[in-house]
């Protein structure tokens, strides 16, 4: 990481310390120290350090958890999503058939149901009853 310093006056010394993210300008009559923060630059754990308050279906937590929660609710792929993370109301866009599905409860279990189809010669849309979720 590089720190760039632009100086409009002529100090005697300029010290840049990337370890502490500080820049010190030393004039004999007026020493000035500027400290910067680069916590969000280059750190592999950045997403876990950013917190947020609960919003909608995302429980409060950190950004990494929110991204995981979103990834577990919306799928865009050619193969049918499966696994323990599926939950009622999840959406899946099938990139091969150009259909949009919702994961919903049906007699005794859960299944993917088409709610919109853009593929083929006759695209269709369906109206869902929100009470059946």
C-alpha atoms as a PDB file:
ATOM      1  CA  UNK A   1       0.000   0.000   0.000  1.00  0.00           C
ATOM      2  CA  UNK A   2       1.312   3.445  -0.842  1.00  0.00           C
ATOM      3  CA  UNK A   3       0.666   6.651   1.050  1.00  0.00           C
ATOM      4  CA  UNK A   4       0.892   9.877  -0.948  1.00  0.00           C
ATOM      5  CA  UNK A   5       1.543  13.167   0.818  1.00  0.00           C
ATOM      6  CA  UNK A   6       1.160  16.573  -0.861  1.00  0.00           C
ATOM      7  CA  UNK A   7       2.714  19.487   1.003  1.00  0.00           C
ATOM      8  CA  UNK A   8       2.045  23.126   0.214  1.00  0.00           C
ATOM      9  CA  UNK A   9       4.594  24.486   2.701  1.00  0.00           C
ATOM     10  CA  UNK A  10       8.231  23.476   3.076  1.00  0.00           C
ATOM     11  CA  UNK A  11       8.633  21.483   6.279  1.00  0.00           C
ATOM     12  CA  UNK A  12      12.079  20.323   7.298  1.00  0.00           C
ATOM     13  CA  UNK A  13      11.176  16.628   7.727  1.00  0.00           C
ATOM     14  CA  UNK A  14       8.416  14.345   6.407  1.00  0.00           C
ATOM     15  CA  UNK A  15       8.061  10.927   8.034  1.00  0.00           C
ATOM     16  CA  UNK A  16       5.676   8.298   6.619  1.00  0.00           C
ATOM     17  CA  UNK A  17       5.102   5.210   8.780  1.00  0.00           C
ATOM     18  CA  UNK A  18       2.936   2.632   6.978  1.00  0.00           C
ATOM     19  CA  UNK A  19       2.983   0.353  10.017  1.00  0.00           C
ATOM     20  CA  UNK A  20       1.076   2.864  12.141  1.00  0.00           C
ATOM     21  CA  UNK A  21      -0.617   4.630   9.197  1.00  0.00           C
ATOM     22  CA  UNK A  22       0.843   7.977  10.232  1.00  0.00           C
ATOM     23  CA  UNK A  23       2.468  10.900   8.459  1.00  0.00           C
ATOM     24  CA  UNK A  24       4.469  13.404  10.488  1.00  0.00           C
ATOM     25  CA  UNK A  25       5.463  16.821   9.164  1.00  0.00           C
ATOM     26  CA  UNK A  26       8.170  18.393  11.338  1.00  0.00           C
ATOM     27  CA  UNK A  27       8.904  22.059  11.108  1.00  0.00           C
ATOM     28  CA  UNK A  28      11.065  23.559  13.787  1.00  0.00           C
ATOM     29  CA  UNK A  29       8.278  25.900  14.865  1.00  0.00           C
ATOM     30  CA  UNK A  30       5.136  23.876  13.979  1.00  0.00           C
ATOM     31  CA  UNK A  31       5.192  20.034  14.049  1.00  0.00           C
ATOM     32  CA  UNK A  32       2.068  18.449  12.502  1.00  0.00           C
ATOM     33  CA  UNK A  33       1.061  14.762  12.744  1.00  0.00           C
ATOM     34  CA  UNK A  34      -1.649  13.250  10.527  1.00  0.00           C
ATOM     35  CA  UNK A  35      -2.871   9.732  11.271  1.00  0.00           C
ATOM     36  CA  UNK A  36      -4.894   7.819   8.686  1.00  0.00           C
ATOM     37  CA  UNK A  37      -6.852   4.624   8.907  1.00  0.00           C
ATOM     38  CA  UNK A  38      -6.764   1.924   6.268  1.00  0.00           C
ATOM     39  CA  UNK A  39      -8.594  -0.793   8.158  1.00  0.00           C
ATOM     40  CA  UNK A  40     -10.736  -1.623   5.122  1.00  0.00           C
ATOM     41  CA  UNK A  41      -7.876  -1.837   2.628  1.00  0.00           C
ATOM     42  CA  UNK A  42      -6.220  -5.168   1.990  1.00  0.00           C
ATOM     43  CA  UNK A  43      -7.477  -6.983   5.060  1.00  0.00           C
ATOM     44  CA  UNK A  44      -8.819 -10.496   4.404  1.00  0.00           C
ATOM     45  CA  UNK A  45     -11.243 -10.237   7.335  1.00  0.00           C
ATOM     46  CA  UNK A  46     -12.876  -6.954   6.313  1.00  0.00           C
ATOM     47  CA  UNK A  47     -16.397  -8.359   5.785  1.00  0.00           C
ATOM     48  CA  UNK A  48     -16.470  -9.826   9.281  1.00  0.00           C
ATOM     49  CA  UNK A  49     -15.498  -6.457  10.783  1.00  0.00           C
ATOM     50  CA  UNK A  50     -18.441  -4.517   9.282  1.00  0.00           C
ATOM     51  CA  UNK A  51     -21.590  -4.901  11.363  1.00  0.00           C
ATOM     52  CA  UNK A  52     -25.219  -4.043  10.591  1.00  0.00           C
ATOM     53  CA  UNK A  53     -28.632  -4.042  12.263  1.00  0.00           C
ATOM     54  CA  UNK A  54     -31.310  -6.588  11.333  1.00  0.00           C
ATOM     55  CA  UNK A  55     -33.146  -5.695   8.126  1.00  0.00           C
ATOM     56  CA  UNK A  56     -35.987  -7.755   6.667  1.00  0.00           C
ATOM     57  CA  UNK A  57     -34.993 -11.414   6.469  1.00  0.00           C
ATOM     58  CA  UNK A  58     -31.333 -10.700   7.284  1.00  0.00           C
ATOM     59  CA  UNK A  59     -30.570 -11.128  10.963  1.00  0.00           C
ATOM     60  CA  UNK A  60     -28.191  -8.567  12.438  1.00  0.00           C
ATOM     61  CA  UNK A  61     -24.542  -9.492  12.341  1.00  0.00           C
ATOM     62  CA  UNK A  62     -21.620  -8.827  10.064  1.00  0.00           C
ATOM     63  CA  UNK A  63     -21.331  -8.310   6.316  1.00  0.00           C
ATOM     64  CA  UNK A  64     -19.855 -11.769   5.678  1.00  0.00           C
ATOM     65  CA  UNK A  65     -22.891 -13.418   7.305  1.00  0.00           C
ATOM     66  CA  UNK A  66     -25.295 -11.190   5.333  1.00  0.00           C
ATOM     67  CA  UNK A  67     -23.662 -12.165   2.046  1.00  0.00           C
ATOM     68  CA  UNK A  68     -23.993 -15.813   3.010  1.00  0.00           C
ATOM     69  CA  UNK A  69     -27.658 -15.352   3.950  1.00  0.00           C
ATOM     70  CA  UNK A  70     -28.405 -13.679   0.613  1.00  0.00           C
ATOM     71  CA  UNK A  71     -26.564 -16.388  -1.301  1.00  0.00           C
ATOM     72  CA  UNK A  72     -28.740 -18.969   0.470  1.00  0.00           C
ATOM     73  CA  UNK A  73     -31.978 -17.250  -0.626  1.00  0.00           C
ATOM     74  CA  UNK A  74     -31.399 -16.477  -4.304  1.00  0.00           C
ATOM     75  CA  UNK A  75     -29.935 -18.855  -6.867  1.00  0.00           C
ATOM     76  CA  UNK A  76     -28.985 -18.294 -10.520  1.00  0.00           C
ATOM     77  CA  UNK A  77     -27.761 -21.532 -12.073  1.00  0.00           C
ATOM     78  CA  UNK A  78     -28.687 -24.281 -14.498  1.00  0.00           C
ATOM     79  CA  UNK A  79     -28.897 -27.090 -11.895  1.00  0.00           C
ATOM     80  CA  UNK A  80     -31.626 -27.401  -9.256  1.00  0.00           C
ATOM     81  CA  UNK A  81     -30.487 -26.012  -5.881  1.00  0.00           C
ATOM     82  CA  UNK A  82     -30.559 -28.509  -3.028  1.00  0.00           C
ATOM     83  CA  UNK A  83     -29.235 -28.947   0.486  1.00  0.00           C
ATOM     84  CA  UNK A  84     -29.884 -27.993   4.073  1.00  0.00           C
ATOM     85  CA  UNK A  85     -29.853 -24.219   3.374  1.00  0.00           C
ATOM     86  CA  UNK A  86     -33.062 -24.233   1.306  1.00  0.00           C
ATOM     87  CA  UNK A  87     -35.982 -22.470   2.968  1.00  0.00           C
ATOM     88  CA  UNK A  88     -39.558 -21.646   2.031  1.00  0.00           C
ATOM     89  CA  UNK A  89     -39.668 -18.592  -0.249  1.00  0.00           C
ATOM     90  CA  UNK A  90     -36.197 -19.044  -1.801  1.00  0.00           C
ATOM     91  CA  UNK A  91     -35.967 -18.075  -5.471  1.00  0.00           C
ATOM     92  CA  UNK A  92     -34.093 -19.836  -8.283  1.00  0.00           C
ATOM     93  CA  UNK A  93     -33.612 -18.641 -11.851  1.00  0.00           C
ATOM     94  CA  UNK A  94     -32.805 -21.594 -14.122  1.00  0.00           C
ATOM     95  CA  UNK A  95     -30.288 -20.213 -16.622  1.00  0.00           C
ATOM     96  CA  UNK A  96     -30.875 -23.109 -19.021  1.00  0.00           C
ATOM     97  CA  UNK A  97     -34.674 -23.045 -19.262  1.00  0.00           C
ATOM     98  CA  UNK A  98     -35.084 -19.316 -18.475  1.00  0.00           C
ATOM     99  CA  UNK A  99     -37.634 -20.038 -15.740  1.00  0.00           C
ATOM    100  CA  UNK A 100     -38.063 -18.463 -12.299  1.00  0.00           C
ATOM    101  CA  UNK A 101     -38.981 -20.820  -9.452  1.00  0.00           C
ATOM    102  CA  UNK A 102     -40.038 -20.388  -5.820  1.00  0.00           C
ATOM    103  CA  UNK A 103     -39.410 -22.995  -3.128  1.00  0.00           C
ATOM    104  CA  UNK A 104     -42.762 -23.611  -1.433  1.00  0.00           C
ATOM    105  CA  UNK A 105     -44.528 -26.066   0.781  1.00  0.00           C
ATOM    106  CA  UNK A 106     -46.782 -28.646  -0.789  1.00  0.00           C
ATOM    107  CA  UNK A 107     -48.536 -31.617   0.830  1.00  0.00           C
ATOM    108  CA  UNK A 108     -45.939 -32.998   3.212  1.00  0.00           C
ATOM    109  CA  UNK A 109     -42.808 -31.349   1.805  1.00  0.00           C
ATOM    110  CA  UNK A 110     -41.248 -28.566  -0.214  1.00  0.00           C
ATOM    111  CA  UNK A 111     -40.777 -28.280  -3.980  1.00  0.00           C
ATOM    112  CA  UNK A 112     -39.629 -25.803  -6.619  1.00  0.00           C
ATOM    113  CA  UNK A 113     -42.603 -24.304  -8.495  1.00  0.00           C
ATOM    114  CA  UNK A 114     -42.384 -22.263 -11.684  1.00  0.00           C
ATOM    115  CA  UNK A 115     -43.635 -18.703 -11.247  1.00  0.00           C
ATOM    116  CA  UNK A 116     -42.397 -17.270 -14.571  1.00  0.00           C
ATOM    117  CA  UNK A 117     -41.061 -18.735 -17.793  1.00  0.00           C
ATOM    118  CA  UNK A 118     -39.283 -16.721 -20.465  1.00  0.00           C
ATOM    119  CA  UNK A 119     -38.057 -19.732 -22.422  1.00  0.00           C
ATOM    120  CA  UNK A 120     -39.653 -21.568 -25.298  1.00  0.00           C
ATOM    121  CA  UNK A 121     -42.155 -20.264 -27.834  1.00  0.00           C
ATOM    122  CA  UNK A 122     -44.816 -19.195 -25.305  1.00  0.00           C
ATOM    123  CA  UNK A 123     -43.496 -17.405 -22.210  1.00  0.00           C
ATOM    124  CA  UNK A 124     -45.855 -17.607 -19.237  1.00  0.00           C
ATOM    125  CA  UNK A 125     -46.296 -16.062 -15.813  1.00  0.00           C
ATOM    126  CA  UNK A 126     -48.267 -17.377 -12.887  1.00  0.00           C
ATOM    127  CA  UNK A 127     -50.042 -15.663 -10.015  1.00  0.00           C
ATOM    128  CA  UNK A 128     -49.169 -17.031  -6.597  1.00  0.00           C
ATOM    129  CA  UNK A 129     -51.417 -16.869  -3.604  1.00  0.00           C
ATOM    130  CA  UNK A 130     -49.261 -15.385  -0.831  1.00  0.00           C
ATOM    131  CA  UNK A 131     -51.396 -17.215   1.720  1.00  0.00           C
ATOM    132  CA  UNK A 132     -50.036 -20.567   0.592  1.00  0.00           C
ATOM    133  CA  UNK A 133     -46.513 -19.783   1.768  1.00  0.00           C
END
